[in-house]
N, C-alpha and C. Protein backbone atom coordinates (compact mmCIF):
# COMPACT_ATOMS: atom_id res chain seq x y z
N MET A 1 -15.67 6.38 -5.13
CA MET A 1 -14.57 5.76 -5.06
C MET A 1 -13.31 6.12 -6.20
N ASN A 2 -12.08 6.48 -5.38
CA ASN A 2 -11.13 7.17 -6.51
C ASN A 2 -10.64 5.61 -6.57
N ILE A 3 -9.86 5.65 -8.07
CA ILE A 3 -9.18 4.49 -8.31
C ILE A 3 -8.15 4.90 -8.28
N GLU A 4 -7.20 5.68 -8.01
CA GLU A 4 -6.07 5.98 -7.43
C GLU A 4 -5.95 5.28 -5.34
N LEU A 5 -6.81 4.42 -5.26
CA LEU A 5 -6.36 3.99 -4.30
C LEU A 5 -5.91 2.64 -4.07
N PHE A 6 -6.46 2.18 -5.73
CA PHE A 6 -5.44 0.58 -5.65
C PHE A 6 -3.89 0.58 -6.25
N TYR A 7 -3.67 2.23 -6.82
CA TYR A 7 -2.19 1.52 -7.07
C TYR A 7 -1.66 2.72 -6.42
N ASN A 8 -2.00 3.52 -4.96
CA ASN A 8 -0.99 4.44 -4.42
C ASN A 8 -2.31 4.61 -3.54
N PRO A 9 -2.04 4.50 -2.31
CA PRO A 9 -2.73 4.48 -1.76
C PRO A 9 -2.48 5.80 -0.99
N GLY A 10 -1.24 6.05 -0.34
CA GLY A 10 -0.63 6.97 0.54
C GLY A 10 -0.84 8.22 0.01
N ASN A 11 -1.10 8.63 -1.43
CA ASN A 11 -1.21 9.61 -2.06
C ASN A 11 -2.52 10.08 -1.42
N VAL A 12 -3.86 9.88 -1.42
CA VAL A 12 -4.71 9.49 -1.59
C VAL A 12 -4.84 9.59 0.24
N VAL A 13 -4.31 8.78 1.46
CA VAL A 13 -4.41 9.15 2.45
C VAL A 13 -4.47 10.75 2.89
N CYS A 14 -2.48 11.27 2.15
CA CYS A 14 -2.53 12.31 1.96
C CYS A 14 -3.36 13.62 2.21
N ASN A 15 -4.14 13.23 0.74
CA ASN A 15 -4.67 13.59 0.92
C ASN A 15 -6.17 14.04 0.81
N TYR A 16 -7.10 13.26 1.76
CA TYR A 16 -8.26 12.96 2.74
C TYR A 16 -7.71 13.69 3.96
N LEU A 17 -5.96 13.67 4.88
CA LEU A 17 -5.43 14.45 5.30
C LEU A 17 -4.85 15.88 5.43
N ASP A 18 -4.83 15.98 3.95
CA ASP A 18 -4.49 17.18 3.94
C ASP A 18 -3.09 17.76 4.62
N ILE A 19 -2.16 16.12 4.32
CA ILE A 19 -0.84 16.75 5.03
C ILE A 19 0.32 17.29 3.61
N HIS A 20 0.85 17.82 3.72
CA HIS A 20 1.91 18.44 2.85
C HIS A 20 3.33 18.80 2.93
N ASN A 21 4.03 19.01 2.37
CA ASN A 21 5.83 18.87 2.14
C ASN A 21 6.84 17.13 3.20
N ASP A 22 7.34 16.77 3.76
CA ASP A 22 8.34 15.58 4.11
C ASP A 22 7.08 15.16 4.96
N HIS A 23 6.10 14.90 5.81
CA HIS A 23 5.89 14.78 6.13
C HIS A 23 5.09 14.79 5.45
N ARG A 24 4.29 14.93 3.97
CA ARG A 24 3.54 13.89 3.08
C ARG A 24 4.59 12.58 2.68
N PHE A 25 5.61 12.51 2.13
CA PHE A 25 6.83 11.94 1.79
C PHE A 25 6.54 11.39 3.08
N ILE A 26 7.04 10.72 3.73
CA ILE A 26 7.06 10.00 5.12
C ILE A 26 5.89 9.52 5.35
N LEU A 27 4.71 10.00 5.63
CA LEU A 27 3.71 8.69 5.47
C LEU A 27 2.71 8.73 3.98
N ARG A 28 3.23 9.21 3.02
CA ARG A 28 3.57 7.83 1.28
C ARG A 28 4.05 6.69 0.99
N VAL A 29 5.00 6.72 1.77
CA VAL A 29 6.47 5.71 2.04
C VAL A 29 5.40 4.95 2.89
N PHE A 30 5.18 5.14 4.44
CA PHE A 30 4.64 4.01 5.14
C PHE A 30 3.46 3.45 4.56
N VAL A 31 2.49 4.30 3.98
CA VAL A 31 1.62 3.47 4.06
C VAL A 31 1.47 2.57 1.81
N ASN A 32 2.03 2.91 1.59
CA ASN A 32 2.78 2.37 0.27
C ASN A 32 2.78 1.13 0.82
N LEU A 33 4.27 1.25 1.28
CA LEU A 33 5.23 -0.25 2.05
C LEU A 33 4.11 -0.72 2.69
N THR A 34 3.22 -1.08 3.63
CA THR A 34 2.42 -1.69 4.22
C THR A 34 1.30 -1.91 3.20
N TYR A 35 0.79 -1.02 2.38
CA TYR A 35 -0.40 -1.61 1.59
C TYR A 35 0.41 -2.84 0.71
N TYR A 36 1.26 -2.36 0.20
CA TYR A 36 2.20 -3.74 -0.89
C TYR A 36 2.63 -4.72 -0.34
N GLY A 37 3.03 -4.83 0.95
CA GLY A 37 3.41 -5.68 1.47
C GLY A 37 2.97 -6.50 2.41
N HIS A 38 1.56 -5.66 3.29
CA HIS A 38 0.95 -7.12 2.91
C HIS A 38 -0.16 -7.66 1.70
N LEU A 39 0.18 -6.77 0.39
CA LEU A 39 -0.08 -7.42 -1.27
C LEU A 39 0.76 -8.71 -1.42
N ALA A 40 2.49 -8.53 -0.73
CA ALA A 40 2.76 -9.68 -1.47
C ALA A 40 2.86 -10.65 -0.78
N VAL A 41 2.47 -10.72 1.12
CA VAL A 41 2.28 -11.49 2.01
C VAL A 41 1.28 -12.55 1.57
N GLY A 42 0.42 -11.57 1.07
CA GLY A 42 -0.98 -12.55 1.02
C GLY A 42 -0.90 -13.59 -0.38
N LEU A 43 -0.28 -12.67 -1.16
CA LEU A 43 0.40 -14.01 -2.34
C LEU A 43 1.17 -14.25 -2.06
N ALA A 44 2.12 -14.29 -1.51
CA ALA A 44 3.19 -15.71 -1.28
C ALA A 44 2.55 -16.66 -0.67
N LEU A 45 1.56 -16.17 0.83
CA LEU A 45 0.51 -17.15 1.44
C LEU A 45 -0.65 -17.92 0.20
N LEU A 46 -0.89 -17.66 -0.58
CA LEU A 46 -1.28 -18.04 -1.58
C LEU A 46 -0.89 -19.05 -2.58
N TYR A 47 0.65 -18.99 -3.13
CA TYR A 47 1.27 -19.66 -3.71
C TYR A 47 1.86 -20.38 -3.22
N THR A 48 2.68 -20.30 -2.19
CA THR A 48 2.36 -21.48 -1.15
C THR A 48 1.78 -22.37 -0.18
N ARG A 49 0.43 -21.94 -0.44
CA ARG A 49 -0.50 -22.84 -0.21
C ARG A 49 -0.62 -23.83 -0.71
N TYR A 50 -1.34 -23.69 -1.81
CA TYR A 50 -1.85 -24.50 -3.46
C TYR A 50 -0.35 -24.81 -4.32
N MET A 51 1.01 -24.45 -4.06
CA MET A 51 1.81 -25.12 -4.70
C MET A 51 2.13 -26.67 -4.19
N ASN A 52 2.38 -27.88 -4.34
CA ASN A 52 3.11 -28.64 -3.94
C ASN A 52 4.90 -28.77 -3.88
N PHE A 53 5.53 -28.26 -3.49
CA PHE A 53 6.89 -28.09 -2.89
C PHE A 53 7.66 -29.24 -2.29
């Protein structure tokens, strides 16, 4: 397994699909935003669930 999958999954997907040029940039942005967005929402969910407000 490539360690880059954890910090830059968009690049790994583009390399796997052999995508180049502008399409590569767009796909990397989409995949990275999706990945880090899910991670941020998961952390926010854990934070609000276990903190007493």
